[in-house]
Amino acid sequence: MTRDQIVEHFEQAVAAAPGVERKGKANPYTSANGHMFSQINKDDQLGIRLPKSRQKELLDRYGAGPFKSYGATMRDYICLTDEMLKTPGLTTVLLEEGLAFVAAMPPGGKKK
């Protein structure tokens, strides 16, 4: 997929996921409770932050691997494969799961 296609796919999934709001201009992302839980990196890949058990399921089923942004492996993120992006409704479900995952964490944000 091209960057424009991935951004469009992301925007549609965000619009369909209750409580999820797109942020960022050049590099779209979502966040809640002071934690990011999805983003499109400069390599035009979509990553979503999920619990370890869900990451394993997606690795086993789709071959989803770690997600990198600016060369750093993002903790608890998986990189969505083309097959995952083409599975109707999956990105929306994963965004909802990512939101629930970070909502259960202690509030994040800048440390003083």
PDB file of N, CA and C in Angstrom:
ATOM      1  N   MET A   1       0.838  -1.183   0.000  1.00  0.00           N
ATOM      2  CA  MET A   1       0.000   0.000   0.000  1.00  0.00           C
ATOM      3  C   MET A   1       0.887   1.251   0.000  1.00  0.00           C
ATOM      4  N   THR A   2       0.406   2.274  -0.644  1.00  0.00           N
ATOM      5  CA  THR A   2       1.115   3.552  -0.615  1.00  0.00           C
ATOM      6  C   THR A   2       0.822   4.257   0.714  1.00  0.00           C
ATOM      7  N   ARG A   3       1.583   5.287   1.014  1.00  0.00           N
ATOM      8  CA  ARG A   3       1.341   6.043   2.250  1.00  0.00           C
ATOM      9  C   ARG A   3      -0.076   6.611   2.266  1.00  0.00           C
ATOM     10  N   ASP A   4      -0.505   7.175   1.141  1.00  0.00           N
ATOM     11  CA  ASP A   4      -1.855   7.739   1.080  1.00  0.00           C
ATOM     12  C   ASP A   4      -2.913   6.675   1.367  1.00  0.00           C
ATOM     13  N   GLN A   5      -2.723   5.476   0.833  1.00  0.00           N
ATOM     14  CA  GLN A   5      -3.677   4.388   1.072  1.00  0.00           C
ATOM     15  C   GLN A   5      -3.680   3.965   2.539  1.00  0.00           C
ATOM     16  N   ILE A   6      -2.502   3.891   3.134  1.00  0.00           N
ATOM     17  CA  ILE A   6      -2.422   3.503   4.549  1.00  0.00           C
ATOM     18  C   ILE A   6      -3.064   4.575   5.428  1.00  0.00           C
ATOM     19  N   VAL A   7      -2.795   5.842   5.134  1.00  0.00           N
ATOM     20  CA  VAL A   7      -3.395   6.927   5.914  1.00  0.00           C
ATOM     21  C   VAL A   7      -4.913   6.891   5.767  1.00  0.00           C
ATOM     22  N   GLU A   8      -5.405   6.689   4.564  1.00  0.00           N
ATOM     23  CA  GLU A   8      -6.855   6.609   4.349  1.00  0.00           C
ATOM     24  C   GLU A   8      -7.447   5.425   5.114  1.00  0.00           C
ATOM     25  N   HIS A   9      -6.789   4.280   5.043  1.00  0.00           N
ATOM     26  CA  HIS A   9      -7.239   3.089   5.773  1.00  0.00           C
ATOM     27  C   HIS A   9      -7.278   3.385   7.277  1.00  0.00           C
ATOM     28  N   PHE A  10      -6.222   4.004   7.788  1.00  0.00           N
ATOM     29  CA  PHE A  10      -6.122   4.357   9.204  1.00  0.00           C
ATOM     30  C   PHE A  10      -7.258   5.304   9.597  1.00  0.00           C
ATOM     31  N   GLU A  11      -7.491   6.334   8.793  1.00  0.00           N
ATOM     32  CA  GLU A  11      -8.546   7.304   9.100  1.00  0.00           C
ATOM     33  C   GLU A  11      -9.922   6.647   9.129  1.00  0.00           C
ATOM     34  N   GLN A  12     -10.181   5.728   8.200  1.00  0.00           N
ATOM     35  CA  GLN A  12     -11.463   5.021   8.190  1.00  0.00           C
ATOM     36  C   GLN A  12     -11.614   4.146   9.430  1.00  0.00           C
ATOM     37  N   ALA A  13     -10.537   3.462   9.815  1.00  0.00           N
ATOM     38  CA  ALA A  13     -10.578   2.603  10.998  1.00  0.00           C
ATOM     39  C   ALA A  13     -10.771   3.436  12.264  1.00  0.00           C
ATOM     40  N   VAL A  14     -10.090   4.568  12.350  1.00  0.00           N
ATOM     41  CA  VAL A  14     -10.232   5.457  13.505  1.00  0.00           C
ATOM     42  C   VAL A  14     -11.665   5.974  13.592  1.00  0.00           C
ATOM     43  N   ALA A  15     -12.235   6.381  12.466  1.00  0.00           N
ATOM     44  CA  ALA A  15     -13.604   6.904  12.448  1.00  0.00           C
ATOM     45  C   ALA A  15     -14.618   5.859  12.910  1.00  0.00           C
ATOM     46  N   ALA A  16     -14.336   4.589  12.663  1.00  0.00           N
ATOM     47  CA  ALA A  16     -15.256   3.509  13.027  1.00  0.00           C
ATOM     48  C   ALA A  16     -15.051   3.011  14.459  1.00  0.00           C
ATOM     49  N   ALA A  17     -13.997   3.453  15.120  1.00  0.00           N
ATOM     50  CA  ALA A  17     -13.676   2.977  16.473  1.00  0.00           C
ATOM     51  C   ALA A  17     -14.128   4.008  17.507  1.00  0.00           C
ATOM     52  N   PRO A  18     -15.148   3.684  18.296  1.00  0.00           N
ATOM     53  CA  PRO A  18     -15.637   4.635  19.298  1.00  0.00           C
ATOM     54  C   PRO A  18     -14.546   5.047  20.288  1.00  0.00           C
ATOM     55  N   GLY A  19     -14.456   6.343  20.525  1.00  0.00           N
ATOM     56  CA  GLY A  19     -13.507   6.854  21.500  1.00  0.00           C
ATOM     57  C   GLY A  19     -12.094   7.049  20.991  1.00  0.00           C
ATOM     58  N   VAL A  20     -11.839   6.692  19.734  1.00  0.00           N
ATOM     59  CA  VAL A  20     -10.496   6.821  19.161  1.00  0.00           C
ATOM     60  C   VAL A  20     -10.464   8.066  18.282  1.00  0.00           C
ATOM     61  N   GLU A  21      -9.428   8.887  18.465  1.00  0.00           N
ATOM     62  CA  GLU A  21      -9.295  10.127  17.703  1.00  0.00           C
ATOM     63  C   GLU A  21      -7.918  10.193  17.057  1.00  0.00           C
ATOM     64  N   ARG A  22      -7.906  10.522  15.774  1.00  0.00           N
ATOM     65  CA  ARG A  22      -6.635  10.675  15.061  1.00  0.00           C
ATOM     66  C   ARG A  22      -5.958  11.965  15.501  1.00  0.00           C
ATOM     67  N   LYS A  23      -4.646  11.882  15.665  1.00  0.00           N
ATOM     68  CA  LYS A  23      -3.830  13.044  15.990  1.00  0.00           C
ATOM     69  C   LYS A  23      -2.653  13.061  15.033  1.00  0.00           C
ATOM     70  N   GLY A  24      -1.931  14.157  15.017  1.00  0.00           N
ATOM     71  CA  GLY A  24      -0.739  14.260  14.181  1.00  0.00           C
ATOM     72  C   GLY A  24      -1.054  14.622  12.749  1.00  0.00           C
ATOM     73  N   LYS A  25      -0.243  15.507  12.186  1.00  0.00           N
ATOM     74  CA  LYS A  25      -0.428  15.909  10.791  1.00  0.00           C
ATOM     75  C   LYS A  25       0.399  15.056   9.861  1.00  0.00           C
ATOM     76  N   ALA A  26       1.702  15.156   9.958  1.00  0.00           N
ATOM     77  CA  ALA A  26       2.589  14.435   9.039  1.00  0.00           C
ATOM     78  C   ALA A  26       2.643  12.949   9.352  1.00  0.00           C
ATOM     79  N   ASN A  27       2.652  12.605  10.635  1.00  0.00           N
ATOM     80  CA  ASN A  27       2.708  11.206  11.056  1.00  0.00           C
ATOM     81  C   ASN A  27       1.508  10.909  11.950  1.00  0.00           C
ATOM     82  N   PRO A  28       0.432  10.391  11.368  1.00  0.00           N
ATOM     83  CA  PRO A  28      -0.787  10.139  12.134  1.00  0.00           C
ATOM     84  C   PRO A  28      -0.556   9.155  13.280  1.00  0.00           C
ATOM     85  N   TYR A  29      -1.240   9.420  14.389  1.00  0.00           N
ATOM     86  CA  TYR A  29      -1.165   8.527  15.541  1.00  0.00           C
ATOM     87  C   TYR A  29      -2.429   8.664  16.373  1.00  0.00           C
ATOM     88  N   THR A  30      -2.575   7.782  17.364  1.00  0.00           N
ATOM     89  CA  THR A  30      -3.642   7.890  18.347  1.00  0.00           C
ATOM     90  C   THR A  30      -3.012   7.779  19.723  1.00  0.00           C
ATOM     91  N   SER A  31      -3.668   8.399  20.702  1.00  0.00           N
ATOM     92  CA  SER A  31      -3.193   8.292  22.077  1.00  0.00           C
ATOM     93  C   SER A  31      -4.365   8.467  23.027  1.00  0.00           C
ATOM     94  N   ALA A  32      -4.180   7.953  24.233  1.00  0.00           N
ATOM     95  CA  ALA A  32      -5.167   8.100  25.301  1.00  0.00           C
ATOM     96  C   ALA A  32      -4.444   7.902  26.623  1.00  0.00           C
ATOM     97  N   ASN A  33      -4.920   8.559  27.654  1.00  0.00           N
ATOM     98  CA  ASN A  33      -4.366   8.366  28.992  1.00  0.00           C
ATOM     99  C   ASN A  33      -2.868   8.695  29.038  1.00  0.00           C
ATOM    100  N   GLY A  34      -2.412   9.539  28.127  1.00  0.00           N
ATOM    101  CA  GLY A  34      -1.006   9.914  28.089  1.00  0.00           C
ATOM    102  C   GLY A  34      -0.091   8.921  27.401  1.00  0.00           C
ATOM    103  N   HIS A  35      -0.666   7.945  26.693  1.00  0.00           N
ATOM    104  CA  HIS A  35       0.117   6.915  26.001  1.00  0.00           C
ATOM    105  C   HIS A  35      -0.313   6.825  24.537  1.00  0.00           C
ATOM    106  N   MET A  36       0.654   6.803  23.639  1.00  0.00           N
ATOM    107  CA  MET A  36       0.338   6.521  22.236  1.00  0.00           C
ATOM    108  C   MET A  36      -0.012   5.044  22.116  1.00  0.00           C
ATOM    109  N   PHE A  37      -0.967   4.728  21.205  1.00  0.00           N
ATOM    110  CA  PHE A  37      -1.269   3.317  20.997  1.00  0.00           C
ATOM    111  C   PHE A  37      -1.372   2.925  19.530  1.00  0.00           C
ATOM    112  N   SER A  38      -1.151   3.854  18.638  1.00  0.00           N
ATOM    113  CA  SER A  38      -1.011   3.498  17.222  1.00  0.00           C
ATOM    114  C   SER A  38      -0.299   4.635  16.515  1.00  0.00           C
ATOM    115  N   GLN A  39       0.363   4.279  15.418  1.00  0.00           N
ATOM    116  CA  GLN A  39       1.010   5.309  14.609  1.00  0.00           C
ATOM    117  C   GLN A  39       1.403   4.745  13.253  1.00  0.00           C
ATOM    118  N   ILE A  40       1.560   5.661  12.309  1.00  0.00           N
ATOM    119  CA  ILE A  40       2.115   5.326  11.001  1.00  0.00           C
ATOM    120  C   ILE A  40       3.530   5.887  11.002  1.00  0.00           C
ATOM    121  N   ASN A  41       4.509   5.025  10.747  1.00  0.00           N
ATOM    122  CA  ASN A  41       5.906   5.470  10.790  1.00  0.00           C
ATOM    123  C   ASN A  41       6.349   6.045   9.448  1.00  0.00           C
ATOM    124  N   LYS A  42       7.588   6.514   9.400  1.00  0.00           N
ATOM    125  CA  LYS A  42       8.106   7.128   8.169  1.00  0.00           C
ATOM    126  C   LYS A  42       8.298   6.110   7.055  1.00  0.00           C
ATOM    127  N   ASP A  43       8.265   4.804   7.393  1.00  0.00           N
ATOM    128  CA  ASP A  43       8.364   3.741   6.388  1.00  0.00           C
ATOM    129  C   ASP A  43       6.992   3.299   5.893  1.00  0.00           C
ATOM    130  N   ASP A  44       5.965   4.074   6.247  1.00  0.00           N
ATOM    131  CA  ASP A  44       4.591   3.815   5.805  1.00  0.00           C
ATOM    132  C   ASP A  44       4.058   2.485   6.319  1.00  0.00           C
ATOM    133  N   GLN A  45       4.343   2.192   7.571  1.00  0.00           N
ATOM    134  CA  GLN A  45       3.821   0.999   8.233  1.00  0.00           C
ATOM    135  C   GLN A  45       2.935   1.450   9.383  1.00  0.00           C
ATOM    136  N   LEU A  46       1.896   0.666   9.644  1.00  0.00           N
ATOM    137  CA  LEU A  46       0.979   0.957  10.743  1.00  0.00           C
ATOM    138  C   LEU A  46       1.287   0.026  11.902  1.00  0.00           C
ATOM    139  N   GLY A  47       1.490   0.616  13.063  1.00  0.00           N
ATOM    140  CA  GLY A  47       1.739  -0.159  14.275  1.00  0.00           C
ATOM    141  C   GLY A  47       0.676   0.135  15.313  1.00  0.00           C
ATOM    142  N   ILE A  48       0.290  -0.906  16.060  1.00  0.00           N
ATOM    143  CA  ILE A  48      -0.699  -0.752  17.122  1.00  0.00           C
ATOM    144  C   ILE A  48      -0.165  -1.421  18.382  1.00  0.00           C
ATOM    145  N   ARG A  49      -0.343  -0.752  19.511  1.00  0.00           N
ATOM    146  CA  ARG A  49       0.132  -1.236  20.811  1.00  0.00           C
ATOM    147  C   ARG A  49      -0.927  -2.137  21.437  1.00  0.00           C
ATOM    148  N   LEU A  50      -0.509  -3.353  21.788  1.00  0.00           N
ATOM    149  CA  LEU A  50      -1.448  -4.368  22.278  1.00  0.00           C
ATOM    150  C   LEU A  50      -0.818  -5.194  23.394  1.00  0.00           C
ATOM    151  N   PRO A  51      -1.660  -5.878  24.187  1.00  0.00           N
ATOM    152  CA  PRO A  51      -1.127  -6.777  25.212  1.00  0.00           C
ATOM    153  C   PRO A  51      -0.312  -7.909  24.582  1.00  0.00           C
ATOM    154  N   LYS A  52       0.636  -8.431  25.349  1.00  0.00           N
ATOM    155  CA  LYS A  52       1.531  -9.488  24.850  1.00  0.00           C
ATOM    156  C   LYS A  52       0.770 -10.694  24.313  1.00  0.00           C
ATOM    157  N   SER A  53      -0.299 -11.112  24.997  1.00  0.00           N
ATOM    158  CA  SER A  53      -1.051 -12.289  24.549  1.00  0.00           C
ATOM    159  C   SER A  53      -1.658 -12.056  23.164  1.00  0.00           C
ATOM    160  N   ARG A  54      -2.147 -10.856  22.924  1.00  0.00           N
ATOM    161  CA  ARG A  54      -2.737 -10.532  21.620  1.00  0.00           C
ATOM    162  C   ARG A  54      -1.646 -10.424  20.559  1.00  0.00           C
ATOM    163  N   GLN A  55      -0.500  -9.881  20.934  1.00  0.00           N
ATOM    164  CA  GLN A  55       0.619  -9.810  19.993  1.00  0.00           C
ATOM    165  C   GLN A  55       0.981 -11.208  19.503  1.00  0.00           C
ATOM    166  N   LYS A  56       1.040 -12.163  20.439  1.00  0.00           N
ATOM    167  CA  LYS A  56       1.395 -13.537  20.083  1.00  0.00           C
ATOM    168  C   LYS A  56       0.369 -14.142  19.130  1.00  0.00           C
ATOM    169  N   GLU A  57      -0.914 -13.921  19.404  1.00  0.00           N
ATOM    170  CA  GLU A  57      -1.973 -14.421  18.514  1.00  0.00           C
ATOM    171  C   GLU A  57      -1.778 -13.892  17.095  1.00  0.00           C
ATOM    172  N   LEU A  58      -1.490 -12.603  16.981  1.00  0.00           N
ATOM    173  CA  LEU A  58      -1.339 -11.980  15.665  1.00  0.00           C
ATOM    174  C   LEU A  58      -0.053 -12.418  14.975  1.00  0.00           C
ATOM    175  N   LEU A  59       0.980 -12.671  15.747  1.00  0.00           N
ATOM    176  CA  LEU A  59       2.215 -13.221  15.189  1.00  0.00           C
ATOM    177  C   LEU A  59       1.948 -14.615  14.627  1.00  0.00           C
ATOM    178  N   ASP A  60       1.279 -15.447  15.412  1.00  0.00           N
ATOM    179  CA  ASP A  60       0.993 -16.816  14.981  1.00  0.00           C
ATOM    180  C   ASP A  60       0.069 -16.858  13.765  1.00  0.00           C
ATOM    181  N   ARG A  61      -0.929 -15.998  13.749  1.00  0.00           N
ATOM    182  CA  ARG A  61      -1.918 -16.037  12.661  1.00  0.00           C
ATOM    183  C   ARG A  61      -1.469 -15.309  11.399  1.00  0.00           C
ATOM    184  N   TYR A  62      -0.862 -14.133  11.563  1.00  0.00           N
ATOM    185  CA  TYR A  62      -0.547 -13.286  10.405  1.00  0.00           C
ATOM    186  C   TYR A  62       0.947 -13.045  10.183  1.00  0.00           C
ATOM    187  N   GLY A  63       1.761 -13.480  11.109  1.00  0.00           N
ATOM    188  CA  GLY A  63       3.190 -13.200  10.999  1.00  0.00           C
ATOM    189  C   GLY A  63       3.550 -11.775  11.369  1.00  0.00           C
ATOM    190  N   ALA A  64       2.673 -11.111  12.139  1.00  0.00           N
ATOM    191  CA  ALA A  64       2.919  -9.728  12.552  1.00  0.00           C
ATOM    192  C   ALA A  64       4.129  -9.676  13.469  1.00  0.00           C
ATOM    193  N   GLY A  65       5.049  -8.790  13.156  1.00  0.00           N
ATOM    194  CA  GLY A  65       6.260  -8.674  13.955  1.00  0.00           C
ATOM    195  C   GLY A  65       6.333  -7.359  14.692  1.00  0.00           C
ATOM    196  N   PRO A  66       7.486  -7.068  15.265  1.00  0.00           N
ATOM    197  CA  PRO A  66       7.669  -5.818  15.998  1.00  0.00           C
ATOM    198  C   PRO A  66       7.535  -4.604  15.079  1.00  0.00           C
ATOM    199  N   PHE A  67       7.170  -3.491  15.661  1.00  0.00           N
ATOM    200  CA  PHE A  67       7.001  -2.233  14.940  1.00  0.00           C
ATOM    201  C   PHE A  67       8.134  -1.297  15.327  1.00  0.00           C
ATOM    202  N   LYS A  68       8.745  -0.691  14.321  1.00  0.00           N
ATOM    203  CA  LYS A  68       9.840   0.253  14.561  1.00  0.00           C
ATOM    204  C   LYS A  68       9.447   1.643  14.086  1.00  0.00           C
ATOM    205  N   SER A  69       9.905   2.614  14.832  1.00  0.00           N
ATOM    206  CA  SER A  69       9.703   4.006  14.457  1.00  0.00           C
ATOM    207  C   SER A  69      11.016   4.741  14.694  1.00  0.00           C
ATOM    208  N   TYR A  70      11.527   5.374  13.655  1.00  0.00           N
ATOM    209  CA  TYR A  70      12.812   6.069  13.707  1.00  0.00           C
ATOM    210  C   TYR A  70      13.917   5.158  14.245  1.00  0.00           C
ATOM    211  N   GLY A  71      13.892   3.901  13.826  1.00  0.00           N
ATOM    212  CA  GLY A  71      14.936   2.948  14.176  1.00  0.00           C
ATOM    213  C   GLY A  71      14.780   2.268  15.523  1.00  0.00           C
ATOM    214  N   ALA A  72      13.841   2.716  16.333  1.00  0.00           N
ATOM    215  CA  ALA A  72      13.633   2.120  17.657  1.00  0.00           C
ATOM    216  C   ALA A  72      12.454   1.154  17.622  1.00  0.00           C
ATOM    217  N   THR A  73      12.626  -0.007  18.231  1.00  0.00           N
ATOM    218  CA  THR A  73      11.521  -0.954  18.359  1.00  0.00           C
ATOM    219  C   THR A  73      10.580  -0.425  19.431  1.00  0.00           C
ATOM    220  N   MET A  74       9.325  -0.258  19.059  1.00  0.00           N
ATOM    221  CA  MET A  74       8.327   0.310  19.962  1.00  0.00           C
ATOM    222  C   MET A  74       7.768  -0.784  20.873  1.00  0.00           C
ATOM    223  N   ARG A  75       7.888  -0.566  22.172  1.00  0.00           N
ATOM    224  CA  ARG A  75       7.435  -1.546  23.160  1.00  0.00           C
ATOM    225  C   ARG A  75       5.931  -1.808  23.033  1.00  0.00           C
ATOM    226  N   ASP A  76       5.572  -3.075  22.981  1.00  0.00           N
ATOM    227  CA  ASP A  76       4.186  -3.555  22.938  1.00  0.00           C
ATOM    228  C   ASP A  76       3.468  -3.290  21.610  1.00  0.00           C
ATOM    229  N   TYR A  77       4.186  -2.826  20.597  1.00  0.00           N
ATOM    230  CA  TYR A  77       3.567  -2.581  19.295  1.00  0.00           C
ATOM    231  C   TYR A  77       3.794  -3.765  18.361  1.00  0.00           C
ATOM    232  N   ILE A  78       2.817  -4.002  17.493  1.00  0.00           N
ATOM    233  CA  ILE A  78       2.992  -4.943  16.386  1.00  0.00           C
ATOM    234  C   ILE A  78       2.840  -4.156  15.087  1.00  0.00           C
ATOM    235  N   CYS A  79       3.523  -4.621  14.060  1.00  0.00           N
ATOM    236  CA  CYS A  79       3.440  -4.011  12.739  1.00  0.00           C
ATOM    237  C   CYS A  79       2.400  -4.777  11.934  1.00  0.00           C
ATOM    238  N   LEU A  80       1.363  -4.102  11.488  1.00  0.00           N
ATOM    239  CA  LEU A  80       0.315  -4.775  10.730  1.00  0.00           C
ATOM    240  C   LEU A  80       0.830  -5.189   9.358  1.00  0.00           C
ATOM    241  N   THR A  81       0.580  -6.430   8.999  1.00  0.00           N
ATOM    242  CA  THR A  81       0.976  -6.961   7.696  1.00  0.00           C
ATOM    243  C   THR A  81      -0.045  -6.540   6.644  1.00  0.00           C
ATOM    244  N   ASP A  82       0.303  -6.719   5.376  1.00  0.00           N
ATOM    245  CA  ASP A  82      -0.647  -6.416   4.296  1.00  0.00           C
ATOM    246  C   ASP A  82      -1.920  -7.236   4.455  1.00  0.00           C
ATOM    247  N   GLU A  83      -1.777  -8.507   4.829  1.00  0.00           N
ATOM    248  CA  GLU A  83      -2.956  -9.361   5.018  1.00  0.00           C
ATOM    249  C   GLU A  83      -3.858  -8.792   6.110  1.00  0.00           C
ATOM    250  N   MET A  84      -3.264  -8.315   7.176  1.00  0.00           N
ATOM    251  CA  MET A  84      -4.053  -7.728   8.263  1.00  0.00           C
ATOM    252  C   MET A  84      -4.771  -6.472   7.794  1.00  0.00           C
ATOM    253  N   LEU A  85      -4.069  -5.634   7.037  1.00  0.00           N
ATOM    254  CA  LEU A  85      -4.671  -4.399   6.541  1.00  0.00           C
ATOM    255  C   LEU A  85      -5.828  -4.676   5.590  1.00  0.00           C
ATOM    256  N   LYS A  86      -5.776  -5.805   4.903  1.00  0.00           N
ATOM    257  CA  LYS A  86      -6.829  -6.158   3.940  1.00  0.00           C
ATOM    258  C   LYS A  86      -7.974  -6.937   4.572  1.00  0.00           C
ATOM    259  N   THR A  87      -7.862  -7.295   5.856  1.00  0.00           N
ATOM    260  CA  THR A  87      -8.926  -8.027   6.545  1.00  0.00           C
ATOM    261  C   THR A  87      -9.961  -7.023   7.035  1.00  0.00           C
ATOM    262  N   PRO A  88     -11.189  -7.072   6.478  1.00  0.00           N
ATOM    263  CA  PRO A  88     -12.209  -6.081   6.825  1.00  0.00           C
ATOM    264  C   PRO A  88     -12.447  -5.977   8.335  1.00  0.00           C
ATOM    265  N   GLY A  89     -12.395  -4.754   8.824  1.00  0.00           N
ATOM    266  CA  GLY A  89     -12.712  -4.474  10.215  1.00  0.00           C
ATOM    267  C   GLY A  89     -11.617  -4.770  11.225  1.00  0.00           C
ATOM    268  N   LEU A  90     -10.562  -5.464  10.828  1.00  0.00           N
ATOM    269  CA  LEU A  90      -9.536  -5.860  11.796  1.00  0.00           C
ATOM    270  C   LEU A  90      -8.815  -4.656  12.398  1.00  0.00           C
ATOM    271  N   THR A  91      -8.466  -3.678  11.590  1.00  0.00           N
ATOM    272  CA  THR A  91      -7.743  -2.521  12.121  1.00  0.00           C
ATOM    273  C   THR A  91      -8.591  -1.790  13.156  1.00  0.00           C
ATOM    274  N   THR A  92      -9.879  -1.655  12.907  1.00  0.00           N
ATOM    275  CA  THR A  92     -10.772  -0.999  13.868  1.00  0.00           C
ATOM    276  C   THR A  92     -10.800  -1.769  15.181  1.00  0.00           C
ATOM    277  N   VAL A  93     -10.931  -3.083  15.106  1.00  0.00           N
ATOM    278  CA  VAL A  93     -10.941  -3.921  16.313  1.00  0.00           C
ATOM    279  C   VAL A  93      -9.631  -3.758  17.081  1.00  0.00           C
ATOM    280  N   LEU A  94      -8.516  -3.769  16.364  1.00  0.00           N
ATOM    281  CA  LEU A  94      -7.216  -3.636  17.019  1.00  0.00           C
ATOM    282  C   LEU A  94      -7.039  -2.253  17.646  1.00  0.00           C
ATOM    283  N   LEU A  95      -7.554  -1.214  17.004  1.00  0.00           N
ATOM    284  CA  LEU A  95      -7.501   0.125  17.600  1.00  0.00           C
ATOM    285  C   LEU A  95      -8.307   0.165  18.898  1.00  0.00           C
ATOM    286  N   GLU A  96      -9.476  -0.468  18.902  1.00  0.00           N
ATOM    287  CA  GLU A  96     -10.287  -0.523  20.116  1.00  0.00           C
ATOM    288  C   GLU A  96      -9.549  -1.276  21.222  1.00  0.00           C
ATOM    289  N   GLU A  97      -8.880  -2.374  20.851  1.00  0.00           N
ATOM    290  CA  GLU A  97      -8.109  -3.141  21.827  1.00  0.00           C
ATOM    291  C   GLU A  97      -6.913  -2.331  22.333  1.00  0.00           C
ATOM    292  N   GLY A  98      -6.277  -1.586  21.439  1.00  0.00           N
ATOM    293  CA  GLY A  98      -5.155  -0.738  21.837  1.00  0.00           C
ATOM    294  C   GLY A  98      -5.595   0.351  22.804  1.00  0.00           C
ATOM    295  N   LEU A  99      -6.758   0.940  22.534  1.00  0.00           N
ATOM    296  CA  LEU A  99      -7.303   1.963  23.425  1.00  0.00           C
ATOM    297  C   LEU A  99      -7.556   1.376  24.809  1.00  0.00           C
ATOM    298  N   ALA A 100      -8.182   0.212  24.869  1.00  0.00           N
ATOM    299  CA  ALA A 100      -8.453  -0.440  26.157  1.00  0.00           C
ATOM    300  C   ALA A 100      -7.147  -0.767  26.888  1.00  0.00           C
ATOM    301  N   PHE A 101      -6.136  -1.181  26.137  1.00  0.00           N
ATOM    302  CA  PHE A 101      -4.842  -1.536  26.726  1.00  0.00           C
ATOM    303  C   PHE A 101      -4.200  -0.337  27.417  1.00  0.00           C
ATOM    304  N   VAL A 102      -4.139   0.810  26.737  1.00  0.00           N
ATOM    305  CA  VAL A 102      -3.497   1.978  27.356  1.00  0.00           C
ATOM    306  C   VAL A 102      -4.389   2.640  28.403  1.00  0.00           C
ATOM    307  N   ALA A 103      -5.703   2.497  28.265  1.00  0.00           N
ATOM    308  CA  ALA A 103      -6.613   3.066  29.261  1.00  0.00           C
ATOM    309  C   ALA A 103      -6.439   2.379  30.615  1.00  0.00           C
ATOM    310  N   ALA A 104      -6.009   1.115  30.600  1.00  0.00           N
ATOM    311  CA  ALA A 104      -5.805   0.360  31.840  1.00  0.00           C
ATOM    312  C   ALA A 104      -4.449   0.654  32.490  1.00  0.00           C
ATOM    313  N   MET A 105      -3.584   1.377  31.800  1.00  0.00           N
ATOM    314  CA  MET A 105      -2.259   1.715  32.339  1.00  0.00           C
ATOM    315  C   MET A 105      -2.359   2.936  33.251  1.00  0.00           C
ATOM    316  N   PRO A 106      -1.381   3.103  34.143  1.00  0.00           N
ATOM    317  CA  PRO A 106      -1.330   4.362  34.896  1.00  0.00           C
ATOM    318  C   PRO A 106      -1.167   5.520  33.909  1.00  0.00           C
ATOM    319  N   PRO A 107      -1.711   6.691  34.225  1.00  0.00           N
ATOM    320  CA  PRO A 107      -1.591   7.815  33.299  1.00  0.00           C
ATOM    321  C   PRO A 107      -0.137   8.093  32.941  1.00  0.00           C
ATOM    322  N   GLY A 108       0.075   8.364  31.667  1.00  0.00           N
ATOM    323  CA  GLY A 108       1.416   8.685  31.190  1.00  0.00           C
ATOM    324  C   GLY A 108       1.572  10.178  31.065  1.00  0.00           C
ATOM    325  N   GLY A 109       2.608  10.564  30.420  1.00  0.00           N
ATOM    326  CA  GLY A 109       2.844  11.982  30.198  1.00  0.00           C
ATOM    327  C   GLY A 109       4.259  12.340  30.565  1.00  0.00           C
ATOM    328  N   LYS A 110       4.536  13.608  30.508  1.00  0.00           N
ATOM    329  CA  LYS A 110       5.886  14.089  30.793  1.00  0.00           C
ATOM    330  C   LYS A 110       6.204  13.937  32.273  1.00  0.00           C
ATOM    331  N   LYS A 111       7.413  13.485  32.538  1.00  0.00           N
ATOM    332  CA  LYS A 111       7.877  13.359  33.924  1.00  0.00           C
ATOM    333  C   LYS A 111       8.456  14.688  34.368  1.00  0.00           C
ATOM    334  N   LYS A 112       8.213  15.027  35.607  1.00  0.00           N
ATOM    335  CA  LYS A 112       8.681  16.317  36.132  1.00  0.00           C
ATOM    336  C   LYS A 112       9.977  16.155  36.866  1.00  0.00           C
TER     337      LYS A 112
END
